[in-house]
């Protein structure tokens, strides 16, 4: 039991809290706290403590940091650079004749700096200049034992500049291998797709070759873009391989280039290639590409355009039968063996009501726009204000209707009269539109060499393609995981930037899958990261009156009940 004890030292009385303990078998008073003089103790008790608080976001950065440490991302990057040598400006890995080891900057290795970038991309995508202001609001600096104020844009550029493009693939492979081992995922079905991201790199900047104009999937054809091909596991949506390519390259061309790399990566990950099923959409399909897949001895499920298989579609329309899918969903489908491009393949015609309704809405939107354009043209002709001749007007009308979602089939027009007195009559053919919707819209043609699979299994497998589209949606999310902003102006920096963004998604996805196994009720990675970001750590600094030294402690603020059991399991401590 504790008690108070007074001691006289040079005429002054000092108070202590002591406890009686046995020392060498005899009870002795042992001081456990020094209270000082009675007047000092009274002043401390009556005066409030000097108190300073600092609250910073902790949950998201701490969980991602713990996961990055578990995977040893920094060690893998640094180990690869130590083995291959750092990049020499103006050269590539193969051309460098001298082996130059990587160098540290501001006390951080290249791997450590890139790990911080990866965590930043997952939590709060920003420019390298904006990294330090964001990191200052979190505990990331304390976790990494570094002063975030020194992490300037120049610091990150110097660190990124040391990474040879050729070193990215082996680094990615090793990290992915560790993730798969820890999650124990089944990698029997693979999802492949490609997309592009627009940039603001000036057209006059001729230094980078990757950014180029092309068909942009976000309707920004006016800007240069960079393409990204991605291979994911169907279970868990874990990225297994990525490749950055030029913005002018078509999807089918990219698929042909990356297919050998896909097979090589699967072999390196020690997967049985001949049991794998590759899933890709019709944008990657051509006769030559399908022959390449056949040669690679990969099983596949893919789709073809209904227009390219019109005979099969017409036959299947009369034999559609209900097929039960998961979740009580029922679709109409027809299946038979077809000889397509010189090989026997199982072909499935799927009627998707959702797709048909979407196509009908799209056609009607184009019809409405075309009718307005035709009405304006007819009004111009009726007033005699048209300066073009009849042949030119005819070509303009045909050009306006050509290739715009079946407009030539559902719109009728007649240009009458002779120059310069012309008139235009037009109408929407409802009967033709109804026939189009009934016989052709909503049709999806699937082909596969999995002849032993059921029709439902083939359809379910192809529907998994939506998962990789969701990955791209995550990478285009400006709040989390966003690949933009991408303030880099050289091909090498763009390669490294994309790599860190893919790693950011990989970390976040791994974290989310672990949380799901712990039955945490968050439906998406974004909602989980948002909830973790709200977990804050407060640093409390106290000093009693008259005392110069401050007592510093840290603790978590109040945590949402759904996260209480999750945080320790994910490596978050106070």
Protein backbone atom coordinates (compact mmCIF):
# COMPACT_ATOMS: atom_id res chain seq x y z
CA UNK A 1 0.00 0.00 0.00
CA UNK A 2 1.29 3.48 -0.87
CA UNK A 3 1.79 6.15 1.78
CA UNK A 4 3.23 9.66 2.13
CA UNK A 5 6.61 10.17 3.71
CA UNK A 6 8.48 13.38 4.48
CA UNK A 7 12.23 13.85 4.29
CA UNK A 8 14.30 16.78 5.51
CA UNK A 9 17.08 17.90 3.19
CA UNK A 10 19.10 21.02 4.11
CA UNK A 11 16.29 22.43 6.16
CA UNK A 12 13.57 21.76 3.57
CA UNK A 13 10.83 19.17 3.80
CA UNK A 14 10.24 17.07 0.65
CA UNK A 15 7.33 14.68 0.28
CA UNK A 16 7.41 11.30 -1.42
CA UNK A 17 4.97 8.53 -2.14
CA UNK A 18 6.48 5.29 -0.94
CA UNK A 19 5.53 1.64 -0.96
CA UNK A 20 6.72 -0.96 1.51
CA UNK A 21 8.67 -3.73 -0.17
CA UNK A 22 10.83 -6.52 1.17
CA UNK A 23 14.50 -6.16 0.36
CA UNK A 24 16.79 -8.96 1.51
CA UNK A 25 13.89 -10.29 3.54
CA UNK A 26 13.28 -7.03 5.42
CA UNK A 27 10.53 -4.43 4.77
CA UNK A 28 11.85 -1.19 3.37
CA UNK A 29 10.06 2.01 2.13
CA UNK A 30 10.69 2.40 -1.58
CA UNK A 31 9.93 5.81 -3.21
CA UNK A 32 7.64 5.52 -6.26
CA UNK A 33 7.00 9.25 -6.85
CA UNK A 34 8.63 12.49 -5.76
CA UNK A 35 6.12 15.22 -4.92
CA UNK A 36 8.47 18.02 -3.87
CA UNK A 37 7.77 20.67 -1.25
CA UNK A 38 4.28 21.12 0.18
CA UNK A 39 3.95 24.61 -1.36
CA UNK A 40 4.97 23.32 -4.81
CA UNK A 41 2.56 20.42 -4.52
CA UNK A 42 -0.29 22.75 -3.52
CA UNK A 43 0.45 25.08 -6.48
CA UNK A 44 0.36 22.17 -8.90
CA UNK A 45 -2.92 20.90 -7.51
CA UNK A 46 -4.59 24.31 -7.66
CA UNK A 47 -3.26 25.44 -11.08
CA UNK A 48 -4.39 23.81 -14.36
CA UNK A 49 -1.81 21.89 -16.33
CA UNK A 50 -0.34 23.46 -19.48
CA UNK A 51 -1.87 21.29 -22.18
CA UNK A 52 -1.21 21.02 -25.89
CA UNK A 53 -3.03 18.68 -28.29
CA UNK A 54 -2.30 17.61 -31.84
CA UNK A 55 -4.83 15.46 -33.70
CA UNK A 56 -3.90 13.74 -36.97
CA UNK A 57 -5.45 11.12 -39.22
CA UNK A 58 -4.01 7.75 -38.34
CA UNK A 59 -6.18 4.75 -39.29
CA UNK A 60 -5.74 4.61 -43.07
CA UNK A 61 -2.04 5.44 -43.12
CA UNK A 62 -1.30 3.06 -40.24
CA UNK A 63 -3.09 0.06 -41.76
CA UNK A 64 -1.53 0.60 -45.18
CA UNK A 65 1.89 1.18 -43.64
CA UNK A 66 1.63 -2.04 -41.61
CA UNK A 67 0.64 -3.94 -44.74
CA UNK A 68 3.48 -2.41 -46.75
CA UNK A 69 5.92 -3.43 -44.01
CA UNK A 70 4.51 -6.95 -43.93
CA UNK A 71 4.99 -7.28 -47.70
CA UNK A 72 8.37 -5.52 -47.46
CA UNK A 73 7.65 -3.37 -50.49
CA UNK A 74 10.60 -1.10 -49.79
CA UNK A 75 12.93 -4.07 -49.41
CA UNK A 76 11.79 -5.62 -52.69
CA UNK A 77 12.32 -2.36 -54.59
CA UNK A 78 15.70 -1.70 -53.02
CA UNK A 79 16.80 -5.30 -53.53
CA UNK A 80 15.95 -5.21 -57.23
CA UNK A 81 17.77 -1.89 -57.73
CA UNK A 82 20.78 -3.20 -55.84
CA UNK A 83 20.88 -6.23 -58.14
CA UNK A 84 20.29 -4.41 -61.42
CA UNK A 85 21.75 -1.01 -60.65
CA UNK A 86 20.01 2.32 -60.70
CA UNK A 87 18.95 4.00 -63.88
CA UNK A 88 21.51 6.28 -65.51
CA UNK A 89 19.81 9.32 -67.08
CA UNK A 90 19.78 9.02 -70.83
CA UNK A 91 20.24 5.23 -70.79
CA UNK A 92 18.22 2.14 -69.95
CA UNK A 93 19.10 -0.86 -67.82
CA UNK A 94 20.53 -2.94 -70.66
CA UNK A 95 22.64 -0.10 -72.06
CA UNK A 96 24.29 0.85 -68.80
CA UNK A 97 27.84 -0.54 -68.83
CA UNK A 98 28.65 0.35 -65.23
CA UNK A 99 26.71 -1.01 -62.26
CA UNK A 100 25.69 1.97 -60.16
CA UNK A 101 24.02 1.19 -56.81
CA UNK A 102 20.94 3.22 -55.81
CA UNK A 103 21.52 6.20 -53.57
CA UNK A 104 19.49 7.48 -50.64
CA UNK A 105 18.01 10.96 -50.47
CA UNK A 106 17.02 12.76 -47.27
CA UNK A 107 17.71 9.59 -45.30
CA UNK A 108 15.30 7.47 -47.36
CA UNK A 109 16.06 4.72 -49.83
CA UNK A 110 14.26 4.58 -53.18
CA UNK A 111 12.02 1.80 -51.88
CA UNK A 112 11.09 3.76 -48.77
CA UNK A 113 10.22 6.87 -50.77
CA UNK A 114 8.10 4.94 -53.26
CA UNK A 115 6.31 3.17 -50.40
CA UNK A 116 5.26 6.57 -49.08
CA UNK A 117 4.07 7.52 -52.58
CA UNK A 118 2.03 4.30 -52.81
CA UNK A 119 0.30 4.95 -49.48
CA UNK A 120 -0.36 8.54 -50.53
CA UNK A 121 -1.98 7.40 -53.80
CA UNK A 122 -4.32 5.08 -51.87
CA UNK A 123 -5.33 7.66 -49.27
CA UNK A 124 -5.24 11.01 -51.02
CA UNK A 125 -4.09 11.27 -54.66
CA UNK A 126 -2.19 14.50 -55.08
CA UNK A 127 0.81 15.92 -56.85
CA UNK A 128 4.27 15.31 -55.43
CA UNK A 129 4.33 18.98 -54.42
CA UNK A 130 1.12 18.45 -52.46
CA UNK A 131 2.38 15.31 -50.71
CA UNK A 132 4.03 17.00 -47.71
CA UNK A 133 1.02 19.25 -46.87
CA UNK A 134 -1.21 16.16 -46.89
CA UNK A 135 1.24 13.95 -44.97
CA UNK A 136 1.51 16.68 -42.32
CA UNK A 137 -2.15 16.02 -41.42
CA UNK A 138 -1.44 12.31 -40.85
CA UNK A 139 0.86 10.17 -38.74
CA UNK A 140 2.70 8.85 -41.81
CA UNK A 141 5.89 10.76 -40.95
CA UNK A 142 5.99 9.24 -37.45
CA UNK A 143 5.34 5.76 -38.82
CA UNK A 144 8.16 6.12 -41.35
CA UNK A 145 10.44 7.96 -38.90
CA UNK A 146 11.00 10.78 -41.35
CA UNK A 147 10.39 14.51 -41.53
CA UNK A 148 7.66 14.90 -44.15
CA UNK A 149 8.64 18.54 -44.72
CA UNK A 150 11.72 17.26 -46.55
CA UNK A 151 9.61 15.20 -48.96
CA UNK A 152 9.42 17.78 -51.71
CA UNK A 153 8.56 17.18 -55.34
CA UNK A 154 12.29 17.25 -56.14
CA UNK A 155 12.90 14.49 -53.59
CA UNK A 156 10.37 12.21 -55.25
CA UNK A 157 11.56 13.04 -58.76
CA UNK A 158 15.14 12.18 -57.78
CA UNK A 159 14.04 8.88 -56.27
CA UNK A 160 11.77 7.93 -59.17
CA UNK A 161 14.52 8.80 -61.63
CA UNK A 162 16.66 5.97 -60.26
CA UNK A 163 14.15 3.25 -61.23
CA UNK A 164 14.81 1.64 -64.64
CA UNK A 165 11.66 0.79 -66.56
CA UNK A 166 12.97 -2.77 -66.96
CA UNK A 167 13.04 -3.20 -63.16
CA UNK A 168 9.32 -2.54 -62.70
CA UNK A 169 8.14 -5.96 -63.91
CA UNK A 170 10.29 -8.08 -61.52
CA UNK A 171 9.40 -5.79 -58.61
CA UNK A 172 5.70 -6.11 -59.39
CA UNK A 173 5.99 -9.88 -59.78
CA UNK A 174 7.60 -10.35 -56.36
CA UNK A 175 5.06 -8.14 -54.58
CA UNK A 176 2.12 -9.86 -56.29
CA UNK A 177 3.55 -13.26 -55.37
CA UNK A 178 3.63 -12.31 -51.69
CA UNK A 179 0.08 -10.94 -51.78
CA UNK A 180 -1.27 -14.11 -53.37
CA UNK A 181 0.53 -16.24 -50.77
CA UNK A 182 -0.93 -14.27 -47.88
CA UNK A 183 -4.47 -14.11 -49.22
CA UNK A 184 -4.46 -17.74 -50.45
CA UNK A 185 -6.56 -16.80 -53.48
CA UNK A 186 -7.56 -19.14 -56.26
CA UNK A 187 -6.10 -17.83 -59.52
CA UNK A 188 -7.88 -19.99 -62.07
CA UNK A 189 -9.69 -17.27 -64.03
CA UNK A 190 -7.97 -14.13 -65.29
CA UNK A 191 -9.52 -10.83 -66.37
CA UNK A 192 -7.84 -8.66 -69.01
CA UNK A 193 -8.74 -5.22 -70.29
CA UNK A 194 -7.14 -1.95 -71.31
CA UNK A 195 -8.10 1.68 -70.94
CA UNK A 196 -6.54 5.12 -71.26
CA UNK A 197 -6.03 8.19 -69.11
CA UNK A 198 -5.85 11.67 -70.56
CA UNK A 199 -2.99 13.98 -69.61
CA UNK A 200 -2.32 17.70 -69.87
CA UNK A 201 1.08 17.25 -71.50
CA UNK A 202 1.42 19.94 -74.12
CA UNK A 203 1.34 18.96 -77.78
CA UNK A 204 4.54 20.94 -78.27
CA UNK A 205 6.40 18.76 -75.75
CA UNK A 206 8.10 16.23 -78.01
CA UNK A 207 10.22 14.60 -75.30
CA UNK A 208 7.73 11.90 -74.14
CA UNK A 209 6.61 9.35 -76.72
CA UNK A 210 3.96 7.55 -74.65
CA UNK A 211 1.39 10.39 -74.52
CA UNK A 212 -0.45 10.60 -77.84
CA UNK A 213 -3.86 11.42 -79.16
CA UNK A 214 -6.32 8.60 -79.73
CA UNK A 215 -9.87 7.53 -79.01
CA UNK A 216 -10.24 8.59 -75.37
CA UNK A 217 -12.77 6.64 -73.31
CA UNK A 218 -13.53 9.73 -71.25
CA UNK A 219 -14.40 11.78 -74.34
CA UNK A 220 -11.22 13.88 -74.16
CA UNK A 221 -9.98 13.27 -77.69
CA UNK A 222 -8.51 16.78 -77.62
CA UNK A 223 -5.80 15.71 -75.13
CA UNK A 224 -2.84 13.37 -75.29
CA UNK A 225 -3.39 10.13 -73.41
CA UNK A 226 -1.53 7.16 -71.95
CA UNK A 227 -2.82 3.58 -72.22
CA UNK A 228 -2.76 0.98 -69.44
CA UNK A 229 -3.35 -2.75 -69.86
CA UNK A 230 -4.23 -4.73 -66.75
CA UNK A 231 -4.48 -8.40 -65.83
CA UNK A 232 -6.41 -9.25 -62.65
CA UNK A 233 -7.48 -12.36 -60.81
CA UNK A 234 -11.19 -13.02 -61.00
CA UNK A 235 -11.26 -13.89 -57.30
CA UNK A 236 -10.40 -10.80 -55.31
CA UNK A 237 -9.66 -8.54 -58.32
CA UNK A 238 -5.94 -8.57 -57.49
CA UNK A 239 -3.78 -6.98 -60.24
CA UNK A 240 -1.26 -9.55 -61.46
CA UNK A 241 0.31 -7.57 -64.29
CA UNK A 242 0.13 -4.11 -65.81
CA UNK A 243 1.68 -2.56 -68.87
CA UNK A 244 1.86 1.09 -69.86
CA UNK A 245 1.67 1.77 -73.58
CA UNK A 246 1.30 4.60 -76.06
CA UNK A 247 -1.93 6.53 -76.24
CA UNK A 248 -2.33 5.96 -79.97
CA UNK A 249 -2.24 2.15 -79.68
CA UNK A 250 -5.58 0.37 -80.21
CA UNK A 251 -6.80 -2.16 -77.64
CA UNK A 252 -6.45 -5.09 -80.04
CA UNK A 253 -2.86 -4.15 -80.84
CA UNK A 254 -2.03 -3.82 -77.16
CA UNK A 255 -3.57 -7.24 -76.44
CA UNK A 256 -1.37 -8.86 -79.10
CA UNK A 257 1.72 -7.24 -77.56
CA UNK A 258 0.95 -8.14 -73.95
CA UNK A 259 -0.26 -11.74 -74.47
CA UNK A 260 3.25 -13.30 -74.33
CA UNK A 261 3.95 -11.30 -71.18
CA UNK A 262 0.76 -12.67 -69.59
CA UNK A 263 1.90 -16.23 -70.14
CA UNK A 264 5.39 -15.44 -68.85
CA UNK A 265 4.01 -13.80 -65.69
CA UNK A 266 1.81 -16.83 -64.94
CA UNK A 267 4.82 -19.12 -65.29
CA UNK A 268 6.88 -16.86 -63.01
CA UNK A 269 4.07 -16.97 -60.42
CA UNK A 270 4.24 -20.79 -60.63
CA UNK A 271 0.73 -21.18 -61.99
CA UNK A 272 -0.43 -23.99 -64.23
CA UNK A 273 -1.02 -22.08 -67.45
CA UNK A 274 -2.97 -24.86 -69.13
CA UNK A 275 -5.67 -24.74 -66.43
CA UNK A 276 -6.13 -20.96 -66.63
CA UNK A 277 -9.07 -19.24 -68.29
CA UNK A 278 -8.50 -15.79 -69.78
CA UNK A 279 -11.52 -13.48 -69.99
CA UNK A 280 -11.43 -10.47 -72.30
CA UNK A 281 -13.99 -8.44 -74.22
CA UNK A 282 -14.59 -7.95 -77.94
CA UNK A 283 -12.46 -4.81 -78.09
CA UNK A 284 -9.38 -7.05 -77.86
CA UNK A 285 -10.58 -9.64 -80.38
CA UNK A 286 -9.47 -10.13 -83.95
CA UNK A 287 -8.85 -13.22 -86.05
CA UNK A 288 -5.08 -12.96 -85.53
CA UNK A 289 -5.40 -12.27 -81.80
CA UNK A 290 -7.65 -15.29 -81.31
CA UNK A 291 -5.10 -17.43 -83.12
CA UNK A 292 -2.45 -16.10 -80.72
CA UNK A 293 -4.60 -17.14 -77.75
CA UNK A 294 -5.08 -20.59 -79.26
CA UNK A 295 -1.31 -20.92 -79.75
CA UNK A 296 -0.61 -19.79 -76.18
CA UNK A 297 -2.66 -22.77 -74.94
CA UNK A 298 -4.76 -20.56 -72.70
CA UNK A 299 -8.41 -21.36 -72.17
CA UNK A 300 -10.60 -18.35 -72.87
CA UNK A 301 -14.04 -16.78 -72.67
CA UNK A 302 -14.58 -13.73 -74.86
CA UNK A 303 -17.23 -12.01 -76.95
CA UNK A 304 -17.74 -11.11 -80.58
CA UNK A 305 -19.90 -8.42 -82.12
CA UNK A 306 -23.39 -9.59 -82.97
CA UNK A 307 -23.04 -8.00 -86.42
CA UNK A 308 -20.07 -10.25 -87.25
CA UNK A 309 -22.14 -13.36 -86.42
CA UNK A 310 -25.48 -12.36 -87.93
CA UNK A 311 -26.28 -15.86 -89.24
CA UNK A 312 -25.77 -17.37 -85.80
CA UNK A 313 -27.82 -14.57 -84.21
CA UNK A 314 -30.74 -15.12 -86.61
CA UNK A 315 -30.72 -18.84 -85.91
CA UNK A 316 -30.40 -18.39 -82.15
CA UNK A 317 -33.30 -15.90 -81.93
CA UNK A 318 -35.74 -18.73 -82.62
CA UNK A 319 -34.24 -21.05 -80.00
CA UNK A 320 -33.62 -18.83 -76.97
CA UNK A 321 -34.27 -20.64 -73.70
CA UNK A 322 -34.12 -19.49 -70.06
CA UNK A 323 -30.87 -20.01 -68.15
CA UNK A 324 -30.74 -19.60 -64.37
CA UNK A 325 -27.81 -17.61 -62.98
CA UNK A 326 -26.80 -16.77 -59.42
CA UNK A 327 -29.05 -14.66 -57.24
CA UNK A 328 -32.26 -15.80 -58.87
CA UNK A 329 -31.45 -14.05 -62.16
CA UNK A 330 -32.74 -15.69 -65.34
CA UNK A 331 -31.59 -14.80 -68.86
CA UNK A 332 -32.41 -16.06 -72.34
CA UNK A 333 -29.59 -17.83 -74.19
CA UNK A 334 -28.81 -20.31 -76.94
CA UNK A 335 -25.72 -22.48 -77.31
CA UNK A 336 -24.15 -24.59 -80.04
CA UNK A 337 -20.79 -25.62 -81.47
CA UNK A 338 -19.52 -23.31 -84.22
CA UNK A 339 -16.50 -23.35 -86.50
CA UNK A 340 -15.17 -19.83 -86.08
CA UNK A 341 -11.85 -18.72 -87.58
CA UNK A 342 -10.77 -22.25 -88.36
CA UNK A 343 -11.40 -23.80 -84.94
CA UNK A 344 -14.30 -25.44 -83.17
CA UNK A 345 -15.65 -23.16 -80.46
CA UNK A 346 -18.64 -23.16 -78.16
CA UNK A 347 -20.79 -20.17 -79.09
CA UNK A 348 -23.45 -18.75 -76.77
CA UNK A 349 -25.95 -16.07 -77.73
CA UNK A 350 -27.02 -14.14 -74.65
CA UNK A 351 -29.99 -11.77 -74.64
CA UNK A 352 -29.38 -9.08 -72.06
CA UNK A 353 -32.44 -6.98 -71.28
CA UNK A 354 -30.31 -4.40 -69.52
CA UNK A 355 -28.09 -4.06 -72.57
CA UNK A 356 -31.10 -3.88 -74.88
CA UNK A 357 -32.74 -1.13 -72.84
CA UNK A 358 -29.49 0.82 -72.80
CA UNK A 359 -29.03 0.46 -76.56
CA UNK A 360 -32.61 1.57 -77.18
CA UNK A 361 -32.10 4.67 -75.04
CA UNK A 362 -28.87 5.44 -76.90
CA UNK A 363 -30.50 5.09 -80.30
CA UNK A 364 -33.43 7.31 -79.32
CA UNK A 365 -31.03 9.98 -78.05
CA UNK A 366 -29.22 9.95 -81.39
CA UNK A 367 -32.56 9.99 -83.21
CA UNK A 368 -33.66 13.06 -81.27
CA UNK A 369 -30.43 14.87 -82.12
CA UNK A 370 -30.65 13.86 -85.79
CA UNK A 371 -34.29 14.98 -86.06
CA UNK A 372 -33.37 18.42 -84.74
CA UNK A 373 -30.54 18.65 -87.27
CA UNK A 374 -32.81 17.54 -90.13
CA UNK A 375 -35.51 19.99 -89.02
CA UNK A 376 -33.06 22.89 -89.08
CA UNK A 377 -31.83 21.81 -92.52
CA UNK A 378 -35.41 21.52 -93.86
CA UNK A 379 -36.19 25.00 -92.55
CA UNK A 380 -33.09 26.40 -94.23
CA UNK A 381 -34.05 24.78 -97.54
CA UNK A 382 -37.63 26.05 -97.33
CA UNK A 383 -36.35 29.63 -96.98
CA UNK A 384 -34.01 29.23 -99.94
CA UNK A 385 -30.99 30.11 -97.81
CA UNK A 386 -28.92 27.02 -98.68
CA UNK A 387 -25.85 27.74 -100.80
CA UNK A 388 -24.81 24.10 -101.22
CA UNK A 389 -25.91 22.12 -104.26
CA UNK A 390 -28.14 19.04 -104.10
CA UNK A 391 -25.31 16.50 -104.34
CA UNK A 392 -23.45 18.15 -101.47
CA UNK A 393 -26.55 18.24 -99.27
CA UNK A 394 -27.26 14.57 -100.01
CA UNK A 395 -23.73 13.64 -98.96
CA UNK A 396 -23.99 15.73 -95.80
CA UNK A 397 -27.22 14.00 -94.75
CA UNK A 398 -25.81 10.53 -95.41
CA UNK A 399 -22.64 11.42 -93.54
CA UNK A 400 -24.68 12.71 -90.57
CA UNK A 401 -26.61 9.43 -90.33
CA UNK A 402 -23.74 7.08 -91.15
CA UNK A 403 -22.33 4.98 -88.31
CA UNK A 404 -24.47 6.52 -85.56
CA UNK A 405 -26.24 3.62 -83.81
CA UNK A 406 -28.50 2.37 -86.60
CA UNK A 407 -29.78 5.82 -87.65
CA UNK A 408 -29.79 4.79 -91.31
CA UNK A 409 -32.19 1.99 -90.40
CA UNK A 410 -34.72 3.94 -88.33
CA UNK A 411 -34.75 7.34 -90.08
CA UNK A 412 -36.22 7.91 -93.54
CA UNK A 413 -35.57 11.06 -95.58
CA UNK A 414 -36.30 12.33 -99.08
CA UNK A 415 -34.57 15.26 -100.71
CA UNK A 416 -36.83 16.58 -103.49
CA UNK A 417 -36.62 19.32 -106.12
CA UNK A 418 -33.83 20.77 -108.20
CA UNK A 419 -31.21 23.38 -107.38
CA UNK A 420 -31.78 25.89 -105.95
CA UNK A 421 -35.37 25.00 -104.94
CA UNK A 422 -35.00 21.97 -102.67
CA UNK A 423 -37.20 20.47 -99.97
CA UNK A 424 -36.51 17.86 -97.33
CA UNK A 425 -38.99 15.37 -95.83
CA UNK A 426 -38.05 12.97 -93.04
CA UNK A 427 -39.60 10.69 -90.44
CA UNK A 428 -38.79 8.22 -87.70
CA UNK A 429 -39.65 4.64 -88.70
CA UNK A 430 -41.17 3.18 -85.53
CA UNK A 431 -41.77 -0.20 -87.16
CA UNK A 432 -38.12 -0.53 -88.16
CA UNK A 433 -37.06 0.49 -84.65
CA UNK A 434 -39.32 -2.14 -83.06
CA UNK A 435 -37.95 -4.84 -85.38
CA UNK A 436 -34.40 -3.80 -84.57
CA UNK A 437 -35.08 -3.98 -80.83
CA UNK A 438 -36.82 -7.35 -81.17
CA UNK A 439 -34.32 -9.13 -83.40
CA UNK A 440 -30.88 -7.58 -82.88
CA UNK A 441 -30.50 -5.32 -79.87
CA UNK A 442 -29.28 -6.70 -76.55
CA UNK A 443 -27.52 -9.65 -78.18
CA UNK A 444 -24.08 -10.71 -76.93
CA UNK A 445 -22.17 -13.50 -78.67
CA UNK A 446 -19.79 -15.38 -76.37
CA UNK A 447 -17.21 -17.91 -77.54
CA UNK A 448 -15.06 -20.26 -75.47
CA UNK A 449 -13.09 -23.48 -75.66
CA UNK A 450 -14.48 -24.60 -72.30
CA UNK A 451 -16.81 -27.08 -74.01
CA UNK A 452 -17.48 -28.94 -70.77
CA UNK A 453 -18.78 -25.87 -68.95
CA UNK A 454 -22.49 -25.27 -68.57
CA UNK A 455 -24.09 -22.32 -70.34
CA UNK A 456 -24.70 -20.63 -66.99
CA UNK A 457 -21.03 -21.03 -66.02
CA UNK A 458 -19.85 -19.51 -69.32
CA UNK A 459 -22.15 -16.51 -68.84
CA UNK A 460 -21.15 -16.05 -65.19
CA UNK A 461 -17.48 -16.17 -66.11
CA UNK A 462 -17.87 -13.53 -68.81
CA UNK A 463 -19.85 -11.31 -66.44
CA UNK A 464 -16.69 -11.26 -64.31
CA UNK A 465 -15.34 -8.78 -66.87
CA UNK A 466 -17.22 -6.11 -64.93
CA UNK A 467 -14.73 -6.56 -62.09
CA UNK A 468 -11.77 -5.28 -64.09
CA UNK A 469 -13.91 -2.39 -65.33
CA UNK A 470 -14.49 -1.61 -61.65
CA UNK A 471 -10.70 -1.58 -61.11
CA UNK A 472 -10.35 1.09 -63.79
CA UNK A 473 -13.18 3.02 -62.15
CA UNK A 474 -11.20 2.95 -58.89
CA UNK A 475 -8.10 4.24 -60.70
CA UNK A 476 -10.17 7.12 -62.07
CA UNK A 477 -11.57 8.02 -58.65
CA UNK A 478 -10.17 11.47 -57.75
CA UNK A 479 -10.63 10.90 -54.00
CA UNK A 480 -8.86 7.54 -53.59
CA UNK A 481 -6.46 5.57 -55.78
CA UNK A 482 -6.70 8.07 -58.64
CA UNK A 483 -4.05 7.82 -61.31
CA UNK A 484 -4.44 11.52 -61.95
CA UNK A 485 -2.96 14.03 -61.35
CA UNK A 486 0.07 12.78 -63.29
CA UNK A 487 2.44 15.72 -63.35
CA UNK A 488 5.29 13.94 -65.12
CA UNK A 489 6.74 14.79 -68.50
CA UNK A 490 9.05 11.90 -69.41
CA UNK A 491 8.23 8.34 -70.40
CA UNK A 492 10.31 6.85 -67.58
CA UNK A 493 8.53 8.95 -64.93
CA UNK A 494 5.14 8.05 -66.41
CA UNK A 495 6.02 4.34 -66.19
CA UNK A 496 7.04 4.69 -62.52
CA UNK A 497 4.01 6.85 -61.71
CA UNK A 498 1.58 4.28 -63.14
CA UNK A 499 3.42 1.54 -61.26
CA UNK A 500 2.99 3.33 -57.91
CA UNK A 501 -0.72 3.85 -58.65
CA UNK A 502 -1.21 0.13 -59.38
CA UNK A 503 0.64 -0.70 -56.16
CA UNK A 504 -1.62 1.72 -54.28
CA UNK A 505 -4.66 -0.13 -55.58
CA UNK A 506 -3.04 -3.49 -54.72
CA UNK A 507 -2.43 -2.39 -51.12
CA UNK A 508 -5.95 -1.00 -50.72
CA UNK A 509 -7.51 -4.08 -52.28
CA UNK A 510 -5.54 -6.43 -50.03
CA UNK A 511 -6.58 -4.39 -47.00
CA UNK A 512 -10.23 -4.52 -48.09
CA UNK A 513 -10.19 -8.30 -48.62
CA UNK A 514 -8.74 -8.81 -45.16
CA UNK A 515 -11.40 -6.55 -43.67
CA UNK A 516 -14.11 -8.53 -45.46
CA UNK A 517 -12.80 -11.74 -43.92
CA UNK A 518 -13.14 -10.06 -40.54
CA UNK A 519 -16.79 -9.31 -41.48
CA UNK A 520 -16.44 -5.55 -41.29
CA UNK A 521 -19.59 -4.00 -42.84
CA UNK A 522 -18.04 -1.83 -45.57
CA UNK A 523 -19.18 -2.43 -49.12
CA UNK A 524 -16.25 -0.82 -50.94
CA UNK A 525 -12.60 0.05 -50.56
CA UNK A 526 -13.48 3.74 -50.62
CA UNK A 527 -15.92 3.47 -47.72
CA UNK A 528 -13.38 1.46 -45.72
CA UNK A 529 -10.60 3.98 -46.39
CA UNK A 530 -12.93 6.85 -45.51
CA UNK A 531 -13.82 5.17 -42.20
CA UNK A 532 -10.15 4.48 -41.43
CA UNK A 533 -9.20 8.05 -42.28
CA UNK A 534 -11.61 9.20 -39.56
CA UNK A 535 -9.61 7.21 -36.98
CA UNK A 536 -7.40 9.90 -35.50
CA UNK A 537 -4.47 9.83 -33.13
CA UNK A 538 -4.10 12.62 -30.61
CA UNK A 539 -0.73 13.60 -29.11
CA UNK A 540 -1.10 15.08 -25.63
CA UNK A 541 1.69 17.23 -24.16
CA UNK A 542 1.27 18.18 -20.48
CA UNK A 543 3.48 20.19 -18.17
CA UNK A 544 2.68 21.13 -14.60
CA UNK A 545 3.10 24.70 -13.43
CA UNK A 546 6.74 25.54 -12.91
CA UNK A 547 7.92 22.46 -14.77
CA UNK A 548 9.86 22.85 -18.01
CA UNK A 549 9.70 19.23 -19.13
CA UNK A 550 6.49 18.08 -20.81
CA UNK A 551 4.99 14.66 -20.51
CA UNK A 552 3.97 13.43 -23.96
CA UNK A 553 1.52 10.62 -24.64
CA UNK A 554 -0.45 9.41 -27.64
CA UNK A 555 -3.82 7.75 -27.85
CA UNK A 556 -6.60 7.13 -30.33
CA UNK A 557 -9.64 9.31 -30.30
CA UNK A 558 -13.05 7.68 -30.05
CA UNK A 559 -13.26 4.90 -32.66
CA UNK A 560 -16.35 3.71 -34.51
CA UNK A 561 -17.61 0.47 -32.99
CA UNK A 562 -17.37 -1.35 -36.32
CA UNK A 563 -13.61 -0.72 -36.39
CA UNK A 564 -12.74 -1.52 -32.78
CA UNK A 565 -11.97 -5.17 -33.46
CA UNK A 566 -10.52 -4.51 -36.91
CA UNK A 567 -7.74 -2.08 -36.02
CA UNK A 568 -5.55 -4.42 -33.92
CA UNK A 569 -5.97 -7.18 -36.52
CA UNK A 570 -4.71 -4.79 -39.20
CA UNK A 571 -1.72 -3.64 -37.17
CA UNK A 572 -3.05 -0.32 -35.85
CA UNK A 573 -1.89 0.67 -32.39
CA UNK A 574 -2.06 3.90 -30.48
